PDB file of all heavy atoms in Angstrom:
ATOM      1  N   THR A   1     134.897-102.038 -45.234  1.00  0.00           N
ATOM      2  CA  THR A   1     135.564-101.124 -46.111  1.00  0.00           C
ATOM      3  C   THR A   1     134.517-100.384 -47.000  1.00  0.00           C
ATOM      4  O   THR A   1     133.832-100.999 -47.757  1.00  0.00           O
ATOM      5  CB  THR A   1     136.599-101.911 -46.998  1.00  0.00           C
ATOM      6  OG1 THR A   1     137.553-102.511 -46.212  1.00  0.00           O
ATOM      7  CG2 THR A   1     137.299-100.890 -47.911  1.00  0.00           C
ATOM      8  N   PHE A   2     134.415 -99.101 -46.839  1.00  0.00           N
ATOM      9  CA  PHE A   2     133.426 -98.296 -47.487  1.00  0.00           C
ATOM     10  C   PHE A   2     133.962 -97.760 -48.752  1.00  0.00           C
ATOM     11  O   PHE A   2     134.449 -96.596 -48.789  1.00  0.00           O
ATOM     12  CB  PHE A   2     132.829 -97.184 -46.600  1.00  0.00           C
ATOM     13  CG  PHE A   2     132.232 -97.736 -45.327  1.00  0.00           C
ATOM     14  CD1 PHE A   2     132.962 -97.770 -44.139  1.00  0.00           C
ATOM     15  CD2 PHE A   2     130.864 -98.156 -45.347  1.00  0.00           C
ATOM     16  CE1 PHE A   2     132.415 -98.306 -43.032  1.00  0.00           C
ATOM     17  CE2 PHE A   2     130.319 -98.583 -44.217  1.00  0.00           C
ATOM     18  CZ  PHE A   2     131.065 -98.686 -43.030  1.00  0.00           C
ATOM     19  N   CYS A   3     133.985 -98.534 -49.872  1.00  0.00           N
ATOM     20  CA  CYS A   3     134.631 -98.109 -51.067  1.00  0.00           C
ATOM     21  C   CYS A   3     133.620 -97.818 -52.144  1.00  0.00           C
ATOM     22  O   CYS A   3     133.928 -97.447 -53.280  1.00  0.00           O
ATOM     23  CB  CYS A   3     135.506 -99.234 -51.599  1.00  0.00           C
ATOM     24  SG  CYS A   3     134.657-100.845 -51.999  1.00  0.00           S
ATOM     25  N   GLN A   4     132.282 -97.859 -51.775  1.00  0.00           N
ATOM     26  CA  GLN A   4     131.310 -97.479 -52.709  1.00  0.00           C
ATOM     27  C   GLN A   4     130.883 -95.997 -52.535  1.00  0.00           C
ATOM     28  O   GLN A   4     131.647 -95.220 -52.017  1.00  0.00           O
ATOM     29  CB  GLN A   4     129.953 -98.380 -52.503  1.00  0.00           C
ATOM     30  CG  GLN A   4     130.277 -99.900 -52.708  1.00  0.00           C
ATOM     31  CD  GLN A   4     128.930-100.644 -52.822  1.00  0.00           C
ATOM     32  OE1 GLN A   4     128.054-100.323 -53.543  1.00  0.00           O
ATOM     33  NE2 GLN A   4     128.923-101.754 -52.029  1.00  0.00           N
ATOM     34  N   ASN A   5     129.691 -95.638 -52.942  1.00  0.00           N
ATOM     35  CA  ASN A   5     129.247 -94.279 -52.863  1.00  0.00           C
ATOM     36  C   ASN A   5     129.231 -93.796 -51.424  1.00  0.00           C
ATOM     37  O   ASN A   5     128.884 -94.528 -50.527  1.00  0.00           O
ATOM     38  CB  ASN A   5     127.780 -94.177 -53.432  1.00  0.00           C
ATOM     39  CG  ASN A   5     127.284 -92.796 -53.544  1.00  0.00           C
ATOM     40  OD1 ASN A   5     128.030 -91.835 -53.289  1.00  0.00           O
ATOM     41  ND2 ASN A   5     126.026 -92.584 -53.850  1.00  0.00           N
ATOM     42  N   ASN A   6     129.690 -92.573 -51.118  1.00  0.00           N
ATOM     43  CA  ASN A   6     129.762 -92.049 -49.804  1.00  0.00           C
ATOM     44  C   ASN A   6     128.659 -90.954 -49.591  1.00  0.00           C
ATOM     45  O   ASN A   6     128.763 -90.152 -48.708  1.00  0.00           O
ATOM     46  CB  ASN A   6     131.114 -91.504 -49.433  1.00  0.00           C
ATOM     47  CG  ASN A   6     131.459 -90.180 -50.274  1.00  0.00           C
ATOM     48  OD1 ASN A   6     130.964 -90.057 -51.425  1.00  0.00           O
ATOM     49  ND2 ASN A   6     132.421 -89.436 -49.824  1.00  0.00           N
ATOM     50  N   ASN A   7     127.668 -90.920 -50.499  1.00  0.00           N
ATOM     51  CA  ASN A   7     126.476 -90.087 -50.352  1.00  0.00           C
ATOM     52  C   ASN A   7     125.333 -90.786 -49.767  1.00  0.00           C
ATOM     53  O   ASN A   7     124.853 -91.722 -50.377  1.00  0.00           O
ATOM     54  CB  ASN A   7     126.092 -89.365 -51.662  1.00  0.00           C
ATOM     55  CG  ASN A   7     127.180 -88.489 -52.263  1.00  0.00           C
ATOM     56  OD1 ASN A   7     127.839 -87.809 -51.480  1.00  0.00           O
ATOM     57  ND2 ASN A   7     127.386 -88.559 -53.540  1.00  0.00           N
ATOM     58  N   ILE A   8     124.915 -90.387 -48.532  1.00  0.00           N
ATOM     59  CA  ILE A   8     123.868 -91.055 -47.834  1.00  0.00           C
ATOM     60  C   ILE A   8     122.561 -90.250 -47.967  1.00  0.00           C
ATOM     61  O   ILE A   8     122.509 -89.144 -47.389  1.00  0.00           O
ATOM     62  CB  ILE A   8     124.192 -91.270 -46.361  1.00  0.00           C
ATOM     63  CG1 ILE A   8     125.509 -92.096 -46.210  1.00  0.00           C
ATOM     64  CG2 ILE A   8     123.048 -92.012 -45.553  1.00  0.00           C
ATOM     65  CD1 ILE A   8     126.001 -92.226 -44.805  1.00  0.00           C
ATOM     66  N   PRO A   9     121.582 -90.840 -48.641  1.00  0.00           N
ATOM     67  CA  PRO A   9     120.338 -90.033 -48.786  1.00  0.00           C
ATOM     68  C   PRO A   9     119.430 -90.081 -47.524  1.00  0.00           C
ATOM     69  O   PRO A   9     118.440 -90.745 -47.430  1.00  0.00           O
ATOM     70  CB  PRO A   9     119.615 -90.731 -49.979  1.00  0.00           C
ATOM     71  CG  PRO A   9     120.085 -92.132 -49.867  1.00  0.00           C
ATOM     72  CD  PRO A   9     121.522 -92.107 -49.313  1.00  0.00           C
ATOM     73  N   HIS A  10     119.799 -89.323 -46.520  1.00  0.00           N
ATOM     74  CA  HIS A  10     119.153 -89.325 -45.281  1.00  0.00           C
ATOM     75  C   HIS A  10     119.507 -88.084 -44.366  1.00  0.00           C
ATOM     76  O   HIS A  10     120.488 -87.391 -44.803  1.00  0.00           O
ATOM     77  CB  HIS A  10     119.430 -90.611 -44.411  1.00  0.00           C
ATOM     78  CG  HIS A  10     118.238 -91.130 -43.614  1.00  0.00           C
ATOM     79  ND1 HIS A  10     117.543 -90.380 -42.753  1.00  0.00           N
ATOM     80  CD2 HIS A  10     117.659 -92.410 -43.594  1.00  0.00           C
ATOM     81  CE1 HIS A  10     116.557 -91.043 -42.240  1.00  0.00           C
ATOM     82  NE2 HIS A  10     116.676 -92.317 -42.692  1.00  0.00           N
ATOM     83  N   THR A  11     118.798 -87.904 -43.340  1.00  0.00           N
ATOM     84  CA  THR A  11     119.144 -86.773 -42.425  1.00  0.00           C
ATOM     85  C   THR A  11     120.024 -87.219 -41.241  1.00  0.00           C
ATOM     86  O   THR A  11     120.521 -86.340 -40.491  1.00  0.00           O
ATOM     87  CB  THR A  11     117.854 -86.112 -41.888  1.00  0.00           C
ATOM     88  OG1 THR A  11     117.066 -87.052 -41.268  1.00  0.00           O
ATOM     89  CG2 THR A  11     117.076 -85.467 -43.071  1.00  0.00           C
ATOM     90  N   PHE A  12     120.079 -88.540 -41.021  1.00  0.00           N
ATOM     91  CA  PHE A  12     120.908 -89.043 -39.903  1.00  0.00           C
ATOM     92  C   PHE A  12     121.454 -90.384 -40.347  1.00  0.00           C
ATOM     93  O   PHE A  12     121.009 -91.008 -41.297  1.00  0.00           O
ATOM     94  CB  PHE A  12     120.154 -89.106 -38.615  1.00  0.00           C
ATOM     95  CG  PHE A  12     118.850 -89.897 -38.648  1.00  0.00           C
ATOM     96  CD1 PHE A  12     118.887 -91.280 -38.458  1.00  0.00           C
ATOM     97  CD2 PHE A  12     117.668 -89.294 -38.832  1.00  0.00           C
ATOM     98  CE1 PHE A  12     117.700 -92.010 -38.529  1.00  0.00           C
ATOM     99  CE2 PHE A  12     116.451 -89.982 -38.870  1.00  0.00           C
ATOM    100  CZ  PHE A  12     116.477 -91.390 -38.711  1.00  0.00           C
ATOM    101  N   CYS A  13     122.361 -90.933 -39.520  1.00  0.00           N
ATOM    102  CA  CYS A  13     123.095 -92.224 -39.821  1.00  0.00           C
ATOM    103  C   CYS A  13     122.279 -93.382 -39.230  1.00  0.00           C
ATOM    104  O   CYS A  13     121.894 -93.287 -38.105  1.00  0.00           O
ATOM    105  CB  CYS A  13     124.458 -92.185 -39.274  1.00  0.00           C
ATOM    106  SG  CYS A  13     125.573 -90.968 -40.204  1.00  0.00           S
ATOM    107  N   GLU A  14     122.168 -94.486 -39.978  1.00  0.00           N
ATOM    108  CA  GLU A  14     121.626 -95.682 -39.481  1.00  0.00           C
ATOM    109  C   GLU A  14     122.582 -96.853 -39.736  1.00  0.00           C
ATOM    110  O   GLU A  14     123.533 -96.706 -40.457  1.00  0.00           O
ATOM    111  CB  GLU A  14     120.338 -96.009 -40.285  1.00  0.00           C
ATOM    112  CG  GLU A  14     119.141 -95.018 -40.051  1.00  0.00           C
ATOM    113  CD  GLU A  14     117.973 -95.395 -40.957  1.00  0.00           C
ATOM    114  OE1 GLU A  14     118.116 -95.556 -42.155  1.00  0.00           O
ATOM    115  OE2 GLU A  14     116.901 -95.492 -40.330  1.00  0.00           O
ATOM    116  N   HIS A  15     122.309 -98.005 -39.029  1.00  0.00           N
ATOM    117  CA  HIS A  15     123.235 -99.076 -39.162  1.00  0.00           C
ATOM    118  C   HIS A  15     123.275 -99.635 -40.506  1.00  0.00           C
ATOM    119  O   HIS A  15     124.349 -99.548 -41.190  1.00  0.00           O
ATOM    120  CB  HIS A  15     122.701-100.184 -38.112  1.00  0.00           C
ATOM    121  CG  HIS A  15     123.477-101.480 -38.229  1.00  0.00           C
ATOM    122  ND1 HIS A  15     122.944-102.692 -37.908  1.00  0.00           N
ATOM    123  CD2 HIS A  15     124.710-101.771 -38.686  1.00  0.00           C
ATOM    124  CE1 HIS A  15     123.844-103.695 -38.127  1.00  0.00           C
ATOM    125  NE2 HIS A  15     124.879-103.088 -38.616  1.00  0.00           N
ATOM    126  N   ILE A  16     122.142-100.270 -41.028  1.00  0.00           N
ATOM    127  CA  ILE A  16     122.203-100.892 -42.381  1.00  0.00           C
ATOM    128  C   ILE A  16     122.274 -99.784 -43.419  1.00  0.00           C
ATOM    129  O   ILE A  16     122.875 -99.983 -44.466  1.00  0.00           O
ATOM    130  CB  ILE A  16     120.921-101.741 -42.527  1.00  0.00           C
ATOM    131  CG1 ILE A  16     120.923-102.861 -41.471  1.00  0.00           C
ATOM    132  CG2 ILE A  16     120.895-102.345 -43.954  1.00  0.00           C
ATOM    133  CD1 ILE A  16     122.107-103.764 -41.515  1.00  0.00           C
ATOM    134  N   GLY A  17     121.696 -98.574 -43.115  1.00  0.00           N
ATOM    135  CA  GLY A  17     121.846 -97.530 -44.059  1.00  0.00           C
ATOM    136  C   GLY A  17     123.301 -97.164 -44.379  1.00  0.00           C
ATOM    137  O   GLY A  17     123.611 -96.642 -45.443  1.00  0.00           O
ATOM    138  N   LEU A  18     124.182 -97.347 -43.433  1.00  0.00           N
ATOM    139  CA  LEU A  18     125.572 -97.107 -43.613  1.00  0.00           C
ATOM    140  C   LEU A  18     126.269 -98.291 -44.148  1.00  0.00           C
ATOM    141  O   LEU A  18     127.135 -98.238 -45.025  1.00  0.00           O
ATOM    142  CB  LEU A  18     126.212 -96.638 -42.282  1.00  0.00           C
ATOM    143  CG  LEU A  18     127.730 -96.370 -42.283  1.00  0.00           C
ATOM    144  CD1 LEU A  18     128.091 -95.224 -43.237  1.00  0.00           C
ATOM    145  CD2 LEU A  18     128.216 -96.009 -40.805  1.00  0.00           C
ATOM    146  N   ALA A  19     125.952 -99.457 -43.557  1.00  0.00           N
ATOM    147  CA  ALA A  19     126.617-100.704 -43.923  1.00  0.00           C
ATOM    148  C   ALA A  19     126.456-101.096 -45.372  1.00  0.00           C
ATOM    149  O   ALA A  19     127.332-101.731 -46.001  1.00  0.00           O
ATOM    150  CB  ALA A  19     126.099-101.814 -43.021  1.00  0.00           C
ATOM    151  N   LYS A  20     125.352-100.674 -45.996  1.00  0.00           N
ATOM    152  CA  LYS A  20     125.092-101.082 -47.369  1.00  0.00           C
ATOM    153  C   LYS A  20     126.075-100.446 -48.374  1.00  0.00           C
ATOM    154  O   LYS A  20     126.142-100.835 -49.573  1.00  0.00           O
ATOM    155  CB  LYS A  20     123.637-100.742 -47.773  1.00  0.00           C
ATOM    156  CG  LYS A  20     123.262 -99.314 -47.894  1.00  0.00           C
ATOM    157  CD  LYS A  20     121.824 -99.165 -48.316  1.00  0.00           C
ATOM    158  CE  LYS A  20     121.458 -97.738 -48.462  1.00  0.00           C
ATOM    159  NZ  LYS A  20     120.024 -97.501 -48.766  1.00  0.00           N
ATOM    160  N   TYR A  21     126.811 -99.465 -47.921  1.00  0.00           N
ATOM    161  CA  TYR A  21     127.800 -98.813 -48.849  1.00  0.00           C
ATOM    162  C   TYR A  21     129.167 -99.514 -48.725  1.00  0.00           C
ATOM    163  O   TYR A  21     130.154 -98.956 -49.249  1.00  0.00           O
ATOM    164  CB  TYR A  21     127.895 -97.308 -48.468  1.00  0.00           C
ATOM    165  CG  TYR A  21     126.666 -96.563 -48.837  1.00  0.00           C
ATOM    166  CD1 TYR A  21     125.745 -96.169 -47.896  1.00  0.00           C
ATOM    167  CD2 TYR A  21     126.379 -96.273 -50.161  1.00  0.00           C
ATOM    168  CE1 TYR A  21     124.616 -95.437 -48.230  1.00  0.00           C
ATOM    169  CE2 TYR A  21     125.233 -95.568 -50.525  1.00  0.00           C
ATOM    170  CZ  TYR A  21     124.391 -95.152 -49.586  1.00  0.00           C
ATOM    171  OH  TYR A  21     123.227 -94.530 -49.852  1.00  0.00           O
ATOM    172  N   ALA A  22     129.239-100.538 -47.946  1.00  0.00           N
ATOM    173  CA  ALA A  22     130.476-101.289 -47.816  1.00  0.00           C
ATOM    174  C   ALA A  22     130.647-102.298 -48.979  1.00  0.00           C
ATOM    175  O   ALA A  22     129.669-102.669 -49.627  1.00  0.00           O
ATOM    176  CB  ALA A  22     130.494-102.081 -46.488  1.00  0.00           C
ATOM    177  N   CYS A  23     131.880-102.670 -49.244  1.00  0.00           N
ATOM    178  CA  CYS A  23     132.163-103.592 -50.281  1.00  0.00           C
ATOM    179  C   CYS A  23     132.415-104.991 -49.751  1.00  0.00           C
ATOM    180  O   CYS A  23     132.546-105.960 -50.441  1.00  0.00           O
ATOM    181  CB  CYS A  23     133.521-103.213 -50.952  1.00  0.00           C
ATOM    182  SG  CYS A  23     133.296-101.599 -51.854  1.00  0.00           S
ATOM    183  N   ASN A  24     132.199-105.182 -48.404  1.00  0.00           N
ATOM    184  CA  ASN A  24     132.354-106.424 -47.762  1.00  0.00           C
ATOM    185  C   ASN A  24     130.986-107.130 -47.673  1.00  0.00           C
ATOM    186  O   ASN A  24     129.932-106.584 -48.012  1.00  0.00           O
ATOM    187  CB  ASN A  24     132.841-106.283 -46.322  1.00  0.00           C
ATOM    188  CG  ASN A  24     134.057-105.361 -46.249  1.00  0.00           C
ATOM    189  OD1 ASN A  24     133.912-104.138 -46.286  1.00  0.00           O
ATOM    190  ND2 ASN A  24     135.248-105.879 -46.108  1.00  0.00           N
ATOM    191  N   ASP A  25     131.017-108.350 -47.179  1.00  0.00           N
ATOM    192  CA  ASP A  25     129.762-109.119 -46.935  1.00  0.00           C
ATOM    193  C   ASP A  25     129.158-108.607 -45.585  1.00  0.00           C
ATOM    194  O   ASP A  25     129.916-108.609 -44.592  1.00  0.00           O
ATOM    195  CB  ASP A  25     130.163-110.629 -46.848  1.00  0.00           C
ATOM    196  CG  ASP A  25     128.961-111.457 -46.740  1.00  0.00           C
ATOM    197  OD1 ASP A  25     127.924-111.076 -46.165  1.00  0.00           O
ATOM    198  OD2 ASP A  25     128.947-112.622 -47.294  1.00  0.00           O
ATOM    199  N   ILE A  26     127.949-108.143 -45.638  1.00  0.00           N
ATOM    200  CA  ILE A  26     127.364-107.605 -44.449  1.00  0.00           C
ATOM    201  C   ILE A  26     126.283-108.403 -43.843  1.00  0.00           C
ATOM    202  O   ILE A  26     125.442-107.971 -43.126  1.00  0.00           O
ATOM    203  CB  ILE A  26     126.818-106.151 -44.744  1.00  0.00           C
ATOM    204  CG1 ILE A  26     125.644-106.261 -45.721  1.00  0.00           C
ATOM    205  CG2 ILE A  26     127.894-105.216 -45.260  1.00  0.00           C
ATOM    206  CD1 ILE A  26     124.869-104.919 -45.860  1.00  0.00           C
ATOM    207  N   ARG A  27     126.296-109.736 -44.224  1.00  0.00           N
ATOM    208  CA  ARG A  27     125.300-110.602 -43.626  1.00  0.00           C
ATOM    209  C   ARG A  27     125.312-110.606 -42.130  1.00  0.00           C
ATOM    210  O   ARG A  27     124.243-110.740 -41.447  1.00  0.00           O
ATOM    211  CB  ARG A  27     125.380-111.990 -44.195  1.00  0.00           C
ATOM    212  CG  ARG A  27     124.693-112.194 -45.514  1.00  0.00           C
ATOM    213  CD  ARG A  27     124.925-113.593 -46.109  1.00  0.00           C
ATOM    214  NE  ARG A  27     126.266-113.749 -46.630  1.00  0.00           N
ATOM    215  CZ  ARG A  27     126.611-114.741 -47.426  1.00  0.00           C
ATOM    216  NH1 ARG A  27     125.764-115.676 -47.762  1.00  0.00           N
ATOM    217  NH2 ARG A  27     127.822-114.828 -47.822  1.00  0.00           N
ATOM    218  N   VAL A  28     126.490-110.589 -41.544  1.00  0.00           N
ATOM    219  CA  VAL A  28     126.606-110.586 -40.058  1.00  0.00           C
ATOM    220  C   VAL A  28     125.901-109.280 -39.493  1.00  0.00           C
ATOM    221  O   VAL A  28     125.210-109.419 -38.527  1.00  0.00           O
ATOM    222  CB  VAL A  28     128.053-110.529 -39.637  1.00  0.00           C
ATOM    223  CG1 VAL A  28     128.152-110.420 -38.081  1.00  0.00           C
ATOM    224  CG2 VAL A  28     128.776-111.849 -40.096  1.00  0.00           C
ATOM    225  N   ASN A  29     126.076-108.187 -40.170  1.00  0.00           N
ATOM    226  CA  ASN A  29     125.397-106.954 -39.733  1.00  0.00           C
ATOM    227  C   ASN A  29     123.863-107.098 -39.789  1.00  0.00           C
ATOM    228  O   ASN A  29     123.201-106.711 -38.838  1.00  0.00           O
ATOM    229  CB  ASN A  29     125.814-105.775 -40.600  1.00  0.00           C
ATOM    230  CG  ASN A  29     127.298-105.425 -40.484  1.00  0.00           C
ATOM    231  OD1 ASN A  29     128.127-106.213 -40.908  1.00  0.00           O
ATOM    232  ND2 ASN A  29     127.661-104.279 -39.815  1.00  0.00           N
ATOM    233  N   ILE A  30     123.398-107.676 -40.868  1.00  0.00           N
ATOM    234  CA  ILE A  30     121.982-107.920 -41.046  1.00  0.00           C
ATOM    235  C   ILE A  30     121.429-108.799 -40.007  1.00  0.00           C
ATOM    236  O   ILE A  30     120.370-108.479 -39.331  1.00  0.00           O
ATOM    237  CB  ILE A  30     121.622-108.406 -42.409  1.00  0.00           C
ATOM    238  CG1 ILE A  30     122.005-107.352 -43.481  1.00  0.00           C
ATOM    239  CG2 ILE A  30     120.209-108.857 -42.541  1.00  0.00           C
ATOM    240  CD1 ILE A  30     121.840-107.883 -44.965  1.00  0.00           C
TER     241      ILE A  30
END
């Protein structure tokens, strides 16, 4: 669930770069 900031300081999308804006536990992703 991406309930944090939706502004990504990058030119393209990355896995952890996107996941870190989630409000869930992302240890599985890491």
